[in-house]
Protein backbone atom coordinates (compact mmCIF):
# COMPACT_ATOMS: atom_id res chain seq x y z
CA MET A 1 -35.23 -13.43 8.13
CA ALA A 2 -34.27 -12.91 11.73
CA ASN A 3 -32.09 -15.87 11.75
CA LEU A 4 -30.03 -14.92 8.82
CA PRO A 5 -26.25 -14.51 9.55
CA ASN A 6 -24.83 -11.05 9.98
CA VAL A 7 -22.03 -10.18 7.55
CA VAL A 8 -20.11 -6.96 8.28
CA ILE A 9 -17.73 -5.63 5.56
CA LEU A 10 -15.27 -2.96 6.52
CA GLY A 11 -13.11 -0.55 4.66
CA ASP A 12 -14.79 -0.28 1.24
CA TYR A 13 -13.81 3.32 1.03
CA GLU A 14 -14.30 3.36 -2.77
CA ARG A 15 -17.76 1.92 -2.56
CA ALA A 16 -16.43 -0.44 -5.15
CA LEU A 17 -17.24 -4.02 -4.02
CA ARG A 18 -20.92 -4.20 -5.12
CA ARG A 19 -19.95 -2.79 -8.54
CA PHE A 20 -18.07 -5.85 -9.60
CA SER A 21 -20.08 -8.92 -8.69
CA ASN A 22 -23.58 -10.42 -8.47
CA TRP A 23 -24.48 -10.10 -4.81
CA SER A 24 -28.14 -11.37 -5.13
CA LYS A 25 -27.47 -14.77 -3.73
CA VAL A 26 -25.58 -13.59 -0.54
CA ASP A 27 -28.17 -10.87 -0.06
CA LYS A 28 -30.98 -13.26 -0.06
CA HIS A 29 -29.28 -15.50 2.65
CA CYS A 30 -27.37 -12.83 4.81
CA HIS A 31 -27.90 -9.48 6.47
CA ILE A 32 -24.99 -7.50 4.86
CA ALA A 33 -23.68 -4.26 6.20
CA ILE A 34 -20.97 -2.55 4.34
CA HIS A 35 -19.07 0.31 6.03
CA HIS A 36 -17.45 2.87 3.80
CA GLU A 37 -15.76 5.06 6.42
CA PRO A 38 -12.83 4.25 8.76
CA LEU A 39 -13.92 2.85 12.15
CA HIS A 40 -11.94 2.80 15.31
CA ASP A 41 -12.25 1.78 18.93
CA GLU A 42 -15.83 1.63 20.26
CA ALA A 43 -17.34 2.65 17.02
CA LEU A 44 -15.70 -0.37 15.37
CA TYR A 45 -16.82 -2.60 18.19
CA GLU A 46 -20.47 -1.48 17.79
CA ALA A 47 -20.32 -2.22 13.95
CA VAL A 48 -19.01 -5.72 14.48
CA LYS A 49 -20.34 -6.93 17.83
CA ASP A 50 -23.10 -9.06 16.35
CA ALA A 51 -21.13 -10.22 13.34
CA ASP A 52 -21.20 -13.85 12.33
CA VAL A 53 -18.74 -12.98 9.43
CA ILE A 54 -16.37 -10.07 9.24
CA VAL A 55 -14.67 -9.03 5.91
CA LEU A 56 -11.91 -6.61 5.66
CA VAL A 57 -10.62 -4.80 2.62
CA ARG A 58 -6.97 -5.26 2.84
CA ASP A 59 -5.49 -4.23 6.18
CA ARG A 60 -7.24 -0.91 6.54
CA ILE A 61 -9.06 -1.71 9.80
CA PRO A 62 -6.68 -3.27 12.45
CA PHE A 63 -8.14 -6.22 14.51
CA ASN A 64 -6.14 -7.20 17.56
CA GLU A 65 -6.81 -9.89 20.18
CA ALA A 66 -8.59 -7.85 22.55
CA LEU A 67 -11.17 -6.91 19.97
CA ILE A 68 -11.61 -10.42 18.77
CA ALA A 69 -12.12 -11.59 22.19
CA ARG A 70 -15.17 -9.39 22.43
CA LEU A 71 -16.94 -11.10 19.36
CA PRO A 72 -18.63 -14.26 20.58
CA LYS A 73 -20.82 -14.72 17.58
CA LEU A 74 -17.90 -14.71 15.09
CA LYS A 75 -17.81 -17.74 12.88
CA LEU A 76 -15.78 -16.65 9.90
CA PHE A 77 -13.10 -14.01 9.20
CA LEU A 78 -12.25 -12.98 5.73
CA PHE A 79 -9.85 -10.40 4.21
CA THR A 80 -9.04 -9.42 0.64
CA GLY A 81 -5.57 -10.17 -0.75
CA LYS A 82 -3.13 -12.71 0.47
CA ARG A 83 -1.59 -10.90 3.52
CA ASN A 84 -2.88 -8.76 6.37
CA GLY A 85 -0.25 -7.15 8.54
CA THR A 86 -2.75 -5.80 11.11
CA LEU A 87 -4.97 -8.80 11.75
CA ASP A 88 -4.07 -10.99 14.86
CA THR A 89 -4.56 -14.34 13.03
CA SER A 90 -3.40 -16.33 16.01
CA ALA A 91 -6.29 -15.09 18.12
CA LEU A 92 -8.65 -16.33 15.57
CA ILE A 93 -6.85 -19.62 15.20
CA SER A 94 -6.82 -20.22 18.93
CA ARG A 95 -10.60 -19.91 18.93
CA ASN A 96 -10.96 -22.24 15.75
CA ILE A 97 -12.42 -19.42 13.78
CA PRO A 98 -11.81 -20.14 10.09
CA ILE A 99 -9.84 -17.43 8.23
CA ALA A 100 -10.11 -17.00 4.53
CA CYS A 101 -8.61 -14.54 2.00
CA THR A 102 -9.13 -13.84 -1.63
CA PRO A 103 -6.88 -13.62 -4.67
CA GLY A 104 -4.82 -10.48 -4.75
CA GLY A 105 -5.27 -9.61 -8.35
CA PRO A 106 -2.65 -7.73 -10.42
CA SER A 107 -1.74 -5.49 -7.52
CA LYS A 108 2.02 -5.72 -8.13
CA GLU A 109 1.40 -4.40 -11.63
CA THR A 110 -0.69 -1.46 -10.54
CA THR A 111 1.75 -0.64 -7.86
CA THR A 112 4.55 -0.56 -10.47
CA GLU A 113 2.37 1.83 -12.52
CA LEU A 114 1.78 4.17 -9.60
CA THR A 115 5.36 4.12 -8.67
CA TRP A 116 6.37 5.62 -11.99
CA ALA A 117 3.39 7.96 -11.93
CA LEU A 118 4.71 9.39 -8.68
CA ILE A 119 8.27 9.46 -9.90
CA LEU A 120 7.53 11.25 -13.12
CA GLY A 121 4.84 13.47 -11.57
CA ALA A 122 7.30 14.73 -8.98
CA SER A 123 10.35 14.97 -11.14
CA LYS A 124 8.54 16.78 -13.91
CA HIS A 125 6.49 18.99 -11.38
CA LEU A 126 3.30 18.09 -13.03
CA VAL A 127 1.05 19.21 -10.21
CA ARG A 128 2.70 22.69 -10.46
CA GLN A 129 2.56 22.91 -14.20
CA ASN A 130 -1.00 21.97 -14.26
CA SER A 131 -1.73 24.61 -11.64
CA LEU A 132 0.10 27.30 -13.62
CA LEU A 133 -2.05 26.70 -16.67
CA HIS A 134 -5.22 26.54 -14.61
CA SER A 135 -4.37 29.99 -13.07
CA GLY A 136 -3.75 31.55 -16.44
CA GLY A 137 0.03 31.25 -16.38
CA TRP A 138 2.44 29.39 -18.64
CA ARG A 139 5.91 28.66 -17.22
CA ASP A 140 8.08 29.54 -14.26
CA GLU A 141 11.47 28.72 -12.71
CA LEU A 142 10.44 25.06 -12.14
CA SER A 143 9.46 24.60 -15.84
CA VAL A 144 13.09 23.81 -16.67
CA LEU A 145 12.84 20.09 -15.96
CA PRO A 146 15.37 17.52 -15.08
CA MET A 147 15.99 14.35 -17.14
CA LEU A 148 16.10 10.90 -15.78
CA SER A 149 17.92 9.18 -18.66
CA GLY A 150 21.46 8.69 -17.83
CA GLU A 151 20.77 9.11 -14.06
CA ARG A 152 21.11 6.53 -11.30
CA LEU A 153 17.95 4.68 -9.94
CA GLY A 154 18.49 3.16 -6.58
CA MET A 155 16.35 0.26 -5.93
CA ILE A 156 15.85 -0.60 -2.11
CA GLY A 157 14.47 -4.03 -2.62
CA LEU A 158 14.37 -5.95 -5.92
CA GLY A 159 11.56 -8.34 -5.59
CA SER A 160 8.63 -8.66 -8.04
CA ILE A 161 7.60 -5.05 -7.79
CA GLY A 162 11.09 -3.70 -7.41
CA SER A 163 12.19 -5.69 -10.50
CA ALA A 164 9.34 -4.30 -12.63
CA VAL A 165 10.10 -0.69 -11.50
CA ALA A 166 13.78 -1.39 -12.36
CA LYS A 167 12.78 -2.42 -15.93
CA VAL A 168 11.02 0.75 -16.48
CA GLY A 169 13.94 2.72 -15.30
CA GLN A 170 16.19 0.76 -17.77
CA ALA A 171 13.74 1.63 -20.60
CA PHE A 172 14.26 5.38 -19.66
CA GLY A 173 17.95 4.76 -19.96
CA MET A 174 18.69 4.89 -16.16
CA GLU A 175 21.62 3.01 -14.47
CA ILE A 176 20.10 0.62 -11.84
CA VAL A 177 21.73 -0.12 -8.43
CA ALA A 178 20.14 -2.12 -5.77
CA TRP A 179 20.40 -2.93 -2.04
CA SER A 180 18.31 -5.06 0.33
CA PRO A 181 19.23 -6.94 3.55
CA ASN A 182 19.73 -10.10 1.45
CA MET A 183 21.04 -8.68 -1.77
CA THR A 184 23.66 -10.44 -3.61
CA THR A 185 25.69 -9.51 -6.69
CA GLU A 186 24.17 -12.35 -8.57
CA ARG A 187 20.63 -11.51 -7.62
CA ALA A 188 21.14 -7.99 -8.80
CA ALA A 189 22.86 -8.93 -11.89
CA ALA A 190 19.94 -11.16 -12.82
CA GLN A 191 17.91 -7.93 -13.15
CA ASN A 192 20.55 -6.06 -14.88
CA ALA A 193 21.42 -4.14 -11.79
CA LYS A 194 24.52 -3.55 -9.67
CA SER A 195 24.56 -4.50 -6.04
CA VAL A 196 25.83 -1.64 -3.84
CA SER A 197 25.89 -0.65 -0.20
CA LEU A 198 22.96 1.27 1.20
CA GLU A 199 25.23 4.28 1.83
CA GLU A 200 26.47 4.29 -1.84
CA LEU A 201 22.94 3.92 -3.14
CA LEU A 202 21.66 6.85 -1.03
CA LYS A 203 24.61 9.12 -1.83
CA THR A 204 24.63 8.60 -5.59
CA SER A 205 21.14 8.01 -6.83
CA LYS A 206 18.89 10.50 -8.53
CA VAL A 207 15.75 8.45 -7.68
CA VAL A 208 15.48 6.06 -4.67
CA SER A 209 12.52 3.83 -4.65
CA LEU A 210 11.65 1.46 -1.85
CA HIS A 211 10.16 -1.99 -2.39
CA LEU A 212 10.61 -3.99 0.90
CA VAL A 213 8.50 -5.65 3.42
CA ALA A 214 8.54 -3.80 6.72
CA GLY A 215 10.12 -6.32 9.01
CA PRO A 216 12.43 -6.29 12.01
CA LYS A 217 15.49 -5.55 9.85
CA THR A 218 13.73 -2.80 7.79
CA LYS A 219 11.42 -0.79 9.91
CA GLY A 220 12.83 2.63 10.33
CA LEU A 221 15.43 1.92 7.67
CA LEU A 222 15.64 5.46 6.54
CA GLY A 223 16.15 7.96 9.40
CA ALA A 224 17.81 11.25 9.65
CA GLU A 225 21.23 9.90 9.18
CA GLU A 226 20.36 7.97 5.94
CA LEU A 227 18.22 10.70 4.55
CA ALA A 228 20.91 13.37 4.99
CA MET A 229 23.19 11.26 2.69
CA MET A 230 20.92 11.70 -0.36
CA ARG A 231 21.63 14.24 -3.05
CA SER A 232 19.98 17.70 -2.87
CA ASP A 233 18.40 17.03 -6.23
CA ALA A 234 17.36 13.41 -5.42
CA LEU A 235 13.70 12.21 -5.25
CA LEU A 236 12.69 9.50 -2.74
CA ALA A 237 9.65 7.29 -3.66
CA ASN A 238 7.74 4.98 -1.41
CA THR A 239 4.76 2.87 -2.49
CA SER A 240 5.72 0.04 -0.20
CA ARG A 241 5.29 0.63 3.62
CA SER A 242 5.45 3.76 5.58
CA ALA A 243 7.30 2.06 8.39
CA LEU A 244 10.36 1.94 6.24
CA ILE A 245 10.93 5.59 6.75
CA ASP A 246 11.00 7.70 9.98
CA THR A 247 8.09 10.14 8.90
CA LYS A 248 9.32 13.03 11.28
CA ALA A 249 12.87 12.52 9.97
CA LEU A 250 11.49 12.74 6.31
CA GLN A 251 9.70 15.99 7.03
CA ASP A 252 12.86 17.54 8.61
CA ALA A 253 15.04 16.23 5.71
CA LEU A 254 12.74 17.63 3.08
CA ALA A 255 12.81 21.06 4.94
CA ALA A 256 16.57 20.75 4.90
CA GLY A 257 16.67 20.03 1.13
CA ARG A 258 18.16 16.42 1.34
CA PRO A 259 16.46 14.87 -0.53
CA GLY A 260 15.07 17.51 -2.69
CA GLN A 261 11.74 15.84 -3.12
CA ALA A 262 9.74 12.89 -1.99
CA ALA A 263 6.61 11.13 -3.43
CA ILE A 264 4.71 8.72 -1.28
CA ASP A 265 1.62 6.60 -1.36
CA VAL A 266 1.71 5.13 2.12
CA PHE A 267 1.37 6.70 5.67
CA ASP A 268 1.73 5.71 9.33
CA MET A 269 -1.94 6.50 9.87
CA GLU A 270 -4.37 5.88 7.22
CA PRO A 271 -6.57 7.79 6.09
CA LEU A 272 -4.10 10.65 6.63
CA PRO A 273 -5.50 13.01 9.23
CA ALA A 274 -6.91 16.28 7.67
CA ASN A 275 -4.45 18.36 9.74
CA ASP A 276 -1.44 16.25 9.10
CA ALA A 277 1.70 18.34 8.06
CA LEU A 278 2.36 15.96 5.27
CA ARG A 279 -0.66 17.39 3.42
CA ASN A 280 1.16 20.77 3.08
CA THR A 281 4.75 19.92 2.52
CA PRO A 282 5.65 21.78 -0.62
CA ASN A 283 8.41 19.34 -2.06
CA LEU A 284 6.20 16.16 -1.29
CA LEU A 285 3.76 14.55 -3.83
CA THR A 286 1.37 12.31 -2.07
CA THR A 287 -1.41 9.96 -3.11
CA PRO A 288 -4.03 8.26 -0.81
CA HIS A 289 -2.51 4.68 -0.85
CA LEU A 290 -3.65 4.00 -4.49
CA GLY A 291 -1.05 1.30 -5.27
CA PHE A 292 -3.56 -1.59 -5.32
CA VAL A 293 -6.64 0.42 -5.87
CA ALA A 294 -7.55 -0.62 -9.47
CA GLU A 295 -10.67 -1.97 -11.15
CA PRO A 296 -9.26 -5.54 -11.89
CA VAL A 297 -7.95 -5.87 -8.34
CA PHE A 298 -11.29 -4.85 -6.84
CA ALA A 299 -13.13 -7.05 -9.28
CA MET A 300 -11.06 -10.00 -7.97
CA PHE A 301 -11.64 -8.91 -4.32
CA SER A 302 -15.35 -8.71 -4.91
CA LYS A 303 -15.66 -12.13 -6.61
CA GLY A 304 -13.43 -13.65 -3.91
CA ILE A 305 -15.82 -12.35 -1.25
CA ILE A 306 -18.93 -13.72 -3.05
CA ASP A 307 -17.29 -17.08 -3.62
CA THR A 308 -16.21 -17.45 -0.03
CA LEU A 309 -19.65 -16.34 1.46
CA GLU A 310 -21.46 -18.75 -0.91
CA ALA A 311 -19.26 -21.66 -0.02
CA TRP A 312 -19.49 -20.89 3.72
CA LEU A 313 -23.40 -20.68 3.46
CA GLU A 314 -23.45 -23.99 1.66
CA GLN A 315 -21.00 -25.60 4.11
CA ARG A 316 -18.53 -26.24 1.35
CA PRO A 317 -14.79 -25.97 1.66
CA LEU A 318 -13.66 -22.35 1.59
CA PRO A 319 -11.94 -21.59 -1.79
CA HIS A 320 -9.05 -19.62 -0.47
CA PRO A 321 -8.38 -20.58 3.12
CA PHE A 322 -5.59 -18.44 4.88
CA GLU A 323 -2.36 -20.29 5.29
CA PRO A 324 -0.23 -18.92 8.24
């Protein structure tokens, strides 16, 4: 038993991975430690210092070159999903440490659903209406609700998730406009949308929804100047990446009333610190990064981890090797 490889799994906040697969084979041939709480700095190092295999749930736990250099026993690195924005893959590749991933599952579909849950929840003031009933009340001044039909939905990004979100907006009777760094009239028209400038989109849209990768051209895309362009009755939704918006500028903009509301699922620091001001911003609806957190997604994550570990133990080719 003493010579069994050490497998350390990080970021299983939901305690979900063991619920969806049969772990008996890898349990028999590995020492498995699953960490359910966030780990940082020396606590993270202590958890992984003797690991032969490290498994990450998405990009919840950053791994940089300095940390990887302190792990002499490491033989395999695995993360769930197809991308990881906080892992220094080049540091692993330079040491010839194999990197594997898992299928991502229907995370695009679940993110689309959550986007609309946030948009509808915020625009219809559902949290407040629920609280009124629980406290014995019935209606108040915010019970006269806005309607989305006939309004403009501004899509910042019109890829696979953005296009799906736009289709739902069309079903609600909204006019769809779109902008991205590479948007064209033809690409927008293919999704029954109109290509407009970012300025027009922000100034005229009732709902603005972000669906971009946070790259050099898009980090900090919405700062104080851009947010101030938005309508006082507008709603800004972000289920993509927090880096797209200047968080401090968003807090100031919400306090100033432009936009009137925001609904976000992603944060600069996750989990969001208990004392973070975003937790108590009145016109902000927040969820704890739930876009991809769904049963079928985690079932695929779990199976992918098992399949990879079994292949590695049996010295077979890894089923889903990472491709830089």
